[in-house]
């Protein structure tokens, strides 16, 4: 069965890293949650997703399946052209972005809208963090939090909680 012609809705994605930030991290780093460059360099080249990505991107851009070749493509094409080619190749019809992570390192939703329709996944704890700093009481916080959610911002299609990341599931 050939599913290649069916458009994709990526229902949980994260914003693309800004080029100036991308230049400071090893190419293989996004394929791992490891933060140590030595760990990334030692283990990520054996990760299936990394190896598959090298092959698939090399095929898309007509180069050798190596980091060096793909870094050359990234440099030669530039940030926007590279993103446009990848979005088009993936046949993404819509993108739902969880933009509550490392906002200062990532492209904003508006940047992504140049390539594909974008909706927002709202991280509840990040919203709470943003609101609580301006409140002097619990009731003021609750009122402001409710007001931020009702009515729901127009571009929000879902909520995400990261409570388990911060406190566990108990």
C-alpha atoms as a PDB file:
ATOM      1  CA  UNK A   1       0.000   0.000   0.000  1.00  0.00           C
ATOM      2  CA  UNK A   2       1.444   3.360  -1.032  1.00  0.00           C
ATOM      3  CA  UNK A   3       0.610   6.071   1.504  1.00  0.00           C
ATOM      4  CA  UNK A   4       3.070   8.609   0.121  1.00  0.00           C
ATOM      5  CA  UNK A   5       0.402  10.871  -1.395  1.00  0.00           C
ATOM      6  CA  UNK A   6      -1.563  11.277   1.825  1.00  0.00           C
ATOM      7  CA  UNK A   7      -0.846  14.571   3.608  1.00  0.00           C
ATOM      8  CA  UNK A   8       0.342  14.390   7.211  1.00  0.00           C
ATOM      9  CA  UNK A   9      -0.881  16.292  10.255  1.00  0.00           C
ATOM     10  CA  UNK A  10       1.958  16.328  12.751  1.00  0.00           C
ATOM     11  CA  UNK A  11      -0.081  16.517  15.926  1.00  0.00           C
ATOM     12  CA  UNK A  12       2.807  17.023  18.354  1.00  0.00           C
ATOM     13  CA  UNK A  13       5.923  18.758  17.152  1.00  0.00           C
ATOM     14  CA  UNK A  14       8.383  21.245  18.561  1.00  0.00           C
ATOM     15  CA  UNK A  15       9.570  24.441  16.953  1.00  0.00           C
ATOM     16  CA  UNK A  16      12.645  24.425  14.738  1.00  0.00           C
ATOM     17  CA  UNK A  17      15.856  25.588  16.363  1.00  0.00           C
ATOM     18  CA  UNK A  18      17.092  29.035  15.331  1.00  0.00           C
ATOM     19  CA  UNK A  19      20.142  28.896  13.027  1.00  0.00           C
ATOM     20  CA  UNK A  20      22.468  30.682  15.444  1.00  0.00           C
ATOM     21  CA  UNK A  21      21.625  28.093  18.107  1.00  0.00           C
ATOM     22  CA  UNK A  22      21.806  25.199  15.657  1.00  0.00           C
ATOM     23  CA  UNK A  23      25.375  26.178  14.822  1.00  0.00           C
ATOM     24  CA  UNK A  24      26.404  25.621  18.448  1.00  0.00           C
ATOM     25  CA  UNK A  25      25.141  22.057  18.894  1.00  0.00           C
ATOM     26  CA  UNK A  26      26.448  18.838  17.376  1.00  0.00           C
ATOM     27  CA  UNK A  27      24.454  17.617  14.381  1.00  0.00           C
ATOM     28  CA  UNK A  28      23.654  14.351  16.178  1.00  0.00           C
ATOM     29  CA  UNK A  29      22.451  15.963  19.436  1.00  0.00           C
ATOM     30  CA  UNK A  30      18.718  16.113  18.548  1.00  0.00           C
ATOM     31  CA  UNK A  31      18.693  12.328  18.198  1.00  0.00           C
ATOM     32  CA  UNK A  32      19.360  11.881  21.912  1.00  0.00           C
ATOM     33  CA  UNK A  33      18.400  13.382  25.227  1.00  0.00           C
ATOM     34  CA  UNK A  34      22.066  13.291  26.222  1.00  0.00           C
ATOM     35  CA  UNK A  35      23.520  16.723  26.884  1.00  0.00           C
ATOM     36  CA  UNK A  36      27.171  15.742  26.975  1.00  0.00           C
ATOM     37  CA  UNK A  37      28.830  16.168  23.545  1.00  0.00           C
ATOM     38  CA  UNK A  38      31.144  13.199  24.180  1.00  0.00           C
ATOM     39  CA  UNK A  39      28.172  10.927  24.899  1.00  0.00           C
ATOM     40  CA  UNK A  40      26.414  12.168  21.781  1.00  0.00           C
ATOM     41  CA  UNK A  41      29.514  11.583  19.650  1.00  0.00           C
ATOM     42  CA  UNK A  42      30.104   8.117  21.074  1.00  0.00           C
ATOM     43  CA  UNK A  43      26.591   6.650  21.040  1.00  0.00           C
ATOM     44  CA  UNK A  44      24.294   8.528  18.662  1.00  0.00           C
ATOM     45  CA  UNK A  45      25.975   7.338  15.436  1.00  0.00           C
ATOM     46  CA  UNK A  46      24.648   3.857  16.281  1.00  0.00           C
ATOM     47  CA  UNK A  47      21.063   5.001  16.877  1.00  0.00           C
ATOM     48  CA  UNK A  48      18.698   3.749  14.190  1.00  0.00           C
ATOM     49  CA  UNK A  49      16.794   7.050  13.867  1.00  0.00           C
ATOM     50  CA  UNK A  50      20.044   8.940  13.335  1.00  0.00           C
ATOM     51  CA  UNK A  51      21.314   6.510  10.707  1.00  0.00           C
ATOM     52  CA  UNK A  52      17.967   6.460   8.902  1.00  0.00           C
ATOM     53  CA  UNK A  53      17.829  10.249   8.965  1.00  0.00           C
ATOM     54  CA  UNK A  54      21.263  10.559   7.373  1.00  0.00           C
ATOM     55  CA  UNK A  55      20.182   8.217   4.591  1.00  0.00           C
ATOM     56  CA  UNK A  56      16.794   9.861   4.000  1.00  0.00           C
ATOM     57  CA  UNK A  57      18.111  13.434   4.044  1.00  0.00           C
ATOM     58  CA  UNK A  58      21.034  12.506   1.801  1.00  0.00           C
ATOM     59  CA  UNK A  59      18.568  11.057  -0.700  1.00  0.00           C
ATOM     60  CA  UNK A  60      16.369  14.168  -0.517  1.00  0.00           C
ATOM     61  CA  UNK A  61      19.287  16.513  -1.144  1.00  0.00           C
ATOM     62  CA  UNK A  62      21.300  14.289  -3.483  1.00  0.00           C
ATOM     63  CA  UNK A  63      24.438  14.065  -1.353  1.00  0.00           C
ATOM     64  CA  UNK A  64      26.467  11.439   0.487  1.00  0.00           C
ATOM     65  CA  UNK A  65      24.854  10.045   3.655  1.00  0.00           C
ATOM     66  CA  UNK A  66      27.193  11.766   6.123  1.00  0.00           C
ATOM     67  CA  UNK A  67      26.980  14.550   8.661  1.00  0.00           C
ATOM     68  CA  UNK A  68      29.580  16.532   6.757  1.00  0.00           C
ATOM     69  CA  UNK A  69      27.604  16.417   3.510  1.00  0.00           C
ATOM     70  CA  UNK A  70      24.354  17.364   5.230  1.00  0.00           C
ATOM     71  CA  UNK A  71      26.009  20.189   7.154  1.00  0.00           C
ATOM     72  CA  UNK A  72      27.202  21.449   3.771  1.00  0.00           C
ATOM     73  CA  UNK A  73      23.638  21.323   2.440  1.00  0.00           C
ATOM     74  CA  UNK A  74      22.402  23.192   5.506  1.00  0.00           C
ATOM     75  CA  UNK A  75      25.026  25.880   4.963  1.00  0.00           C
ATOM     76  CA  UNK A  76      24.495  26.156   1.199  1.00  0.00           C
ATOM     77  CA  UNK A  77      20.685  26.222   1.221  1.00  0.00           C
ATOM     78  CA  UNK A  78      20.192  28.359   4.302  1.00  0.00           C
ATOM     79  CA  UNK A  79      17.709  27.967   7.115  1.00  0.00           C
ATOM     80  CA  UNK A  80      14.454  28.820   5.337  1.00  0.00           C
ATOM     81  CA  UNK A  81      15.097  26.985   2.092  1.00  0.00           C
ATOM     82  CA  UNK A  82      16.183  23.894   4.008  1.00  0.00           C
ATOM     83  CA  UNK A  83      13.037  24.008   6.140  1.00  0.00           C
ATOM     84  CA  UNK A  84      10.797  24.562   3.121  1.00  0.00           C
ATOM     85  CA  UNK A  85      12.297  21.584   1.274  1.00  0.00           C
ATOM     86  CA  UNK A  86      11.881  19.325   4.308  1.00  0.00           C
ATOM     87  CA  UNK A  87       8.295  20.395   4.965  1.00  0.00           C
ATOM     88  CA  UNK A  88       7.396  19.874   1.307  1.00  0.00           C
ATOM     89  CA  UNK A  89       9.080  16.470   1.154  1.00  0.00           C
ATOM     90  CA  UNK A  90       7.249  15.355   4.299  1.00  0.00           C
ATOM     91  CA  UNK A  91       3.906  16.414   2.757  1.00  0.00           C
ATOM     92  CA  UNK A  92       2.834  18.057   6.016  1.00  0.00           C
ATOM     93  CA  UNK A  93      -0.659  19.507   5.798  1.00  0.00           C
ATOM     94  CA  UNK A  94      -0.727  20.969   9.305  1.00  0.00           C
ATOM     95  CA  UNK A  95       1.611  21.266  12.249  1.00  0.00           C
ATOM     96  CA  UNK A  96       0.594  21.386  15.907  1.00  0.00           C
ATOM     97  CA  UNK A  97       3.466  22.922  17.842  1.00  0.00           C
ATOM     98  CA  UNK A  98       4.193  22.617  21.539  1.00  0.00           C
ATOM     99  CA  UNK A  99       5.921  25.976  21.806  1.00  0.00           C
ATOM    100  CA  UNK A 100       6.363  25.929  25.575  1.00  0.00           C
ATOM    101  CA  UNK A 101       9.901  24.563  25.532  1.00  0.00           C
ATOM    102  CA  UNK A 102      13.069  26.694  25.276  1.00  0.00           C
ATOM    103  CA  UNK A 103      11.296  29.551  23.466  1.00  0.00           C
ATOM    104  CA  UNK A 104      14.436  31.683  23.308  1.00  0.00           C
ATOM    105  CA  UNK A 105      16.240  28.977  21.284  1.00  0.00           C
ATOM    106  CA  UNK A 106      13.481  28.240  18.789  1.00  0.00           C
ATOM    107  CA  UNK A 107      11.752  29.855  15.851  1.00  0.00           C
ATOM    108  CA  UNK A 108       8.322  31.306  16.761  1.00  0.00           C
ATOM    109  CA  UNK A 109       5.054  29.902  15.432  1.00  0.00           C
ATOM    110  CA  UNK A 110       4.829  32.768  12.950  1.00  0.00           C
ATOM    111  CA  UNK A 111       8.068  31.634  11.275  1.00  0.00           C
ATOM    112  CA  UNK A 112       6.690  28.110  10.772  1.00  0.00           C
ATOM    113  CA  UNK A 113       3.513  29.509   9.208  1.00  0.00           C
ATOM    114  CA  UNK A 114       5.545  30.462   6.127  1.00  0.00           C
ATOM    115  CA  UNK A 115       5.656  26.766   5.256  1.00  0.00           C
ATOM    116  CA  UNK A 116       2.530  25.095   6.642  1.00  0.00           C
ATOM    117  CA  UNK A 117      -0.619  25.916   8.651  1.00  0.00           C
ATOM    118  CA  UNK A 118       0.277  25.911  12.350  1.00  0.00           C
ATOM    119  CA  UNK A 119      -1.794  25.491  15.482  1.00  0.00           C
ATOM    120  CA  UNK A 120      -0.565  25.626  19.045  1.00  0.00           C
ATOM    121  CA  UNK A 121      -0.361  23.044  21.815  1.00  0.00           C
ATOM    122  CA  UNK A 122      -0.512  25.012  25.054  1.00  0.00           C
ATOM    123  CA  UNK A 123       1.688  23.811  27.935  1.00  0.00           C
ATOM    124  CA  UNK A 124      -0.373  24.496  31.028  1.00  0.00           C
ATOM    125  CA  UNK A 125       2.561  24.733  33.442  1.00  0.00           C
ATOM    126  CA  UNK A 126       4.366  27.250  31.250  1.00  0.00           C
ATOM    127  CA  UNK A 127       1.212  29.358  31.104  1.00  0.00           C
ATOM    128  CA  UNK A 128       0.965  29.136  34.894  1.00  0.00           C
ATOM    129  CA  UNK A 129       4.612  30.182  35.262  1.00  0.00           C
ATOM    130  CA  UNK A 130       4.039  33.192  33.053  1.00  0.00           C
ATOM    131  CA  UNK A 131       0.945  34.263  34.990  1.00  0.00           C
ATOM    132  CA  UNK A 132       2.034  33.578  38.574  1.00  0.00           C
ATOM    133  CA  UNK A 133       4.867  36.111  38.505  1.00  0.00           C
ATOM    134  CA  UNK A 134       2.325  38.931  38.231  1.00  0.00           C
ATOM    135  CA  UNK A 135      -0.031  37.714  40.971  1.00  0.00           C
ATOM    136  CA  UNK A 136       0.002  38.559  44.658  1.00  0.00           C
ATOM    137  CA  UNK A 137      -2.434  35.883  45.811  1.00  0.00           C
ATOM    138  CA  UNK A 138      -3.716  32.437  44.914  1.00  0.00           C
ATOM    139  CA  UNK A 139      -7.137  33.806  44.026  1.00  0.00           C
ATOM    140  CA  UNK A 140      -5.585  36.417  41.714  1.00  0.00           C
ATOM    141  CA  UNK A 141      -3.564  33.666  40.043  1.00  0.00           C
ATOM    142  CA  UNK A 142      -6.608  31.417  39.598  1.00  0.00           C
ATOM    143  CA  UNK A 143      -8.640  34.257  38.125  1.00  0.00           C
ATOM    144  CA  UNK A 144      -5.855  35.163  35.686  1.00  0.00           C
ATOM    145  CA  UNK A 145      -5.259  31.514  34.751  1.00  0.00           C
ATOM    146  CA  UNK A 146      -8.961  30.946  34.048  1.00  0.00           C
ATOM    147  CA  UNK A 147      -9.135  34.161  32.034  1.00  0.00           C
ATOM    148  CA  UNK A 148      -6.176  33.021  29.901  1.00  0.00           C
ATOM    149  CA  UNK A 149      -8.019  29.801  29.041  1.00  0.00           C
ATOM    150  CA  UNK A 150     -11.576  31.025  28.643  1.00  0.00           C
ATOM    151  CA  UNK A 151     -12.104  31.939  25.938  1.00  0.00           C
ATOM    152  CA  UNK A 152      -9.456  29.672  24.504  1.00  0.00           C
ATOM    153  CA  UNK A 153      -6.835  31.501  22.433  1.00  0.00           C
ATOM    154  CA  UNK A 154      -7.757  31.148  18.750  1.00  0.00           C
ATOM    155  CA  UNK A 155      -4.660  29.213  17.672  1.00  0.00           C
ATOM    156  CA  UNK A 156      -4.738  26.625  20.503  1.00  0.00           C
ATOM    157  CA  UNK A 157      -5.941  23.139  19.537  1.00  0.00           C
ATOM    158  CA  UNK A 158      -4.893  21.209  22.651  1.00  0.00           C
ATOM    159  CA  UNK A 159      -3.336  21.357  26.069  1.00  0.00           C
ATOM    160  CA  UNK A 160      -0.249  19.592  27.311  1.00  0.00           C
ATOM    161  CA  UNK A 161       0.745  19.021  30.890  1.00  0.00           C
ATOM    162  CA  UNK A 162       4.341  18.449  31.854  1.00  0.00           C
ATOM    163  CA  UNK A 163       3.478  17.649  35.460  1.00  0.00           C
ATOM    164  CA  UNK A 164       4.883  14.136  35.128  1.00  0.00           C
ATOM    165  CA  UNK A 165       8.230  15.558  34.010  1.00  0.00           C
ATOM    166  CA  UNK A 166       8.398  17.757  37.068  1.00  0.00           C
ATOM    167  CA  UNK A 167       6.767  15.709  39.800  1.00  0.00           C
ATOM    168  CA  UNK A 168       6.257  12.126  38.594  1.00  0.00           C
ATOM    169  CA  UNK A 169       2.975  10.378  38.049  1.00  0.00           C
ATOM    170  CA  UNK A 170       2.035   9.731  41.678  1.00  0.00           C
END
